[in-house]
Amino acid sequence: MAEPVIRRRPDLVTLVTGVLALLMSVAAFVDWLPAIDVRWVLAAGAALLGLTLLVSSLRGRRT
């Protein structure tokens, strides 16, 4: 007898972060971004990445 297939939902935090990163890369490629100091962009990206990793680790695994 076949076992039922367990469907998993996508991780919402990772999905949102990926979409935001994709939008920022498109905006940078098309030159839609205003003149901003690159160091601030890197610092904000590092803070966002750290926050995302923290939230993901606190959520735990659901199977």
Protein backbone atom coordinates (compact mmCIF):
# COMPACT_ATOMS: atom_id res chain seq x y z
CA MET A 1 0.00 0.00 0.00
CA ALA A 2 1.34 3.41 -0.90
CA GLU A 3 2.10 5.91 1.82
CA PRO A 4 0.37 9.29 1.61
CA VAL A 5 2.43 12.12 0.19
CA ILE A 6 3.13 14.86 2.72
CA ARG A 7 3.09 18.27 1.08
CA ARG A 8 5.30 20.93 2.56
CA ARG A 9 4.60 24.62 2.36
CA PRO A 10 7.39 26.99 1.36
CA ASP A 11 9.20 28.81 4.16
CA LEU A 12 7.62 32.28 4.22
CA VAL A 13 10.66 34.10 5.66
CA THR A 14 13.02 32.70 3.06
CA LEU A 15 10.53 33.30 0.25
CA VAL A 16 10.04 36.97 1.16
CA THR A 17 13.78 37.51 1.56
CA GLY A 18 14.46 35.92 -1.82
CA VAL A 19 11.83 38.05 -3.55
CA LEU A 20 13.20 41.22 -1.96
CA ALA A 21 16.75 40.32 -3.00
CA LEU A 22 15.55 39.66 -6.54
CA LEU A 23 13.74 43.01 -6.69
CA MET A 24 16.80 44.87 -5.38
CA SER A 25 19.07 43.20 -7.92
CA VAL A 26 16.71 44.10 -10.77
CA ALA A 27 16.49 47.70 -9.50
CA ALA A 28 20.28 47.93 -9.33
CA PHE A 29 20.67 46.40 -12.79
CA VAL A 30 18.19 48.80 -14.37
CA ASP A 31 19.61 51.72 -12.38
CA TRP A 32 16.38 52.60 -10.55
CA LEU A 33 18.19 53.15 -7.28
CA PRO A 34 19.04 56.66 -6.11
CA ALA A 35 22.65 57.58 -5.40
CA ILE A 36 23.25 55.87 -2.04
CA ASP A 37 26.54 55.14 -0.34
CA VAL A 38 27.35 51.47 -1.01
CA ARG A 39 28.57 50.96 2.56
CA TRP A 40 25.07 51.69 3.91
CA VAL A 41 23.54 49.23 1.46
CA LEU A 42 26.01 46.52 2.53
CA ALA A 43 25.37 47.24 6.21
CA ALA A 44 21.59 47.09 5.73
CA GLY A 45 21.91 43.88 3.73
CA ALA A 46 24.05 42.27 6.42
CA ALA A 47 21.58 43.31 9.12
CA LEU A 48 18.65 41.96 7.11
CA LEU A 49 20.44 38.70 6.44
CA GLY A 50 21.32 38.30 10.12
CA LEU A 51 17.74 39.01 11.16
CA THR A 52 16.43 36.52 8.62
CA LEU A 53 18.80 33.81 9.83
CA LEU A 54 17.85 34.52 13.43
CA VAL A 55 14.12 34.30 12.73
CA SER A 56 14.60 31.12 10.71
CA SER A 57 16.59 29.46 13.48
CA LEU A 58 14.03 30.40 16.13
CA ARG A 59 11.11 29.01 14.14
CA GLY A 60 12.36 25.44 14.38
CA ARG A 61 11.58 22.54 12.10
CA ARG A 62 8.10 21.27 11.40
CA THR A 63 7.70 17.92 9.73
